[in-house]
Protein backbone atom coordinates (compact mmCIF):
# COMPACT_ATOMS: atom_id res chain seq x y z
CA MET A 1 36.69 -53.34 -15.36
CA ASN A 2 36.39 -56.64 -17.21
CA GLN A 3 33.00 -57.34 -15.64
CA LEU A 4 31.72 -53.95 -16.76
CA SER A 5 32.94 -54.54 -20.29
CA THR A 6 31.31 -57.98 -20.36
CA PHE A 7 28.05 -56.51 -19.04
CA PHE A 8 27.88 -53.89 -21.78
CA LYS A 9 28.75 -56.42 -24.49
CA ASN A 10 25.96 -58.72 -23.28
CA LEU A 11 23.56 -55.78 -23.07
CA TRP A 12 24.40 -54.71 -26.63
CA ASN A 13 23.91 -58.24 -28.02
CA ASP A 14 20.68 -58.88 -26.10
CA GLU A 15 17.72 -58.68 -28.48
CA GLU A 16 14.99 -59.58 -26.01
CA GLY A 17 12.12 -57.12 -26.24
CA LEU A 18 13.18 -55.88 -29.66
CA GLU A 19 10.00 -57.18 -31.28
CA THR A 20 7.91 -55.13 -28.86
CA VAL A 21 9.69 -51.94 -29.86
CA GLU A 22 9.22 -52.73 -33.55
CA ILE A 23 5.49 -53.34 -33.07
CA LEU A 24 5.11 -50.08 -31.14
CA LEU A 25 6.91 -48.15 -33.87
CA ILE A 26 4.71 -49.68 -36.58
CA LEU A 27 1.55 -48.91 -34.60
CA SER A 28 2.62 -45.33 -33.97
CA VAL A 29 3.32 -44.80 -37.68
CA LEU A 30 -0.10 -46.23 -38.58
CA ILE A 31 -1.80 -43.95 -36.05
CA VAL A 32 0.00 -40.88 -37.42
CA ILE A 33 -0.99 -41.82 -40.99
CA ALA A 34 -4.61 -42.32 -39.91
CA ILE A 35 -4.64 -38.91 -38.22
CA MET A 36 -3.07 -37.23 -41.26
CA PHE A 37 -5.57 -38.73 -43.70
CA LYS A 38 -8.61 -38.73 -41.40
CA GLY A 39 -10.69 -36.60 -43.77
CA LYS A 40 -9.92 -38.72 -46.84
CA ILE A 41 -10.57 -41.95 -44.95
CA THR A 42 -13.91 -40.61 -43.69
CA GLU A 43 -14.94 -39.52 -47.20
CA TRP A 44 -14.00 -42.92 -48.62
CA VAL A 45 -15.94 -44.84 -45.94
CA ASN A 46 -19.01 -42.61 -46.38
CA ALA A 47 -18.94 -43.10 -50.16
CA LEU A 48 -18.58 -46.83 -49.66
CA PHE A 49 -21.61 -46.94 -47.35
CA GLU A 50 -23.65 -44.83 -49.77
CA ASP A 51 -22.89 -47.30 -52.56
CA ILE A 52 -23.88 -50.19 -50.33
CA ASP A 53 -27.15 -48.47 -49.38
CA LYS A 54 -27.97 -47.85 -53.06
CA GLU A 55 -27.37 -51.49 -53.94
CA ILE A 56 -29.45 -52.73 -51.02
CA LEU A 57 -32.39 -50.47 -51.90
CA ASN A 58 -32.37 -51.43 -55.60
């Protein structure tokens, strides 16, 4: 029983791989935000390129 208790205590305190989970959570949140605001982002990028084209042609 003591070995099992020690195993679970070590497992609880082990933080190896925690950074990977945090990065995956951040990436998934960014992807969801990009999907939610896809239309607005597309409009903004198109307007930006139109402004660049106008400045290049003038």
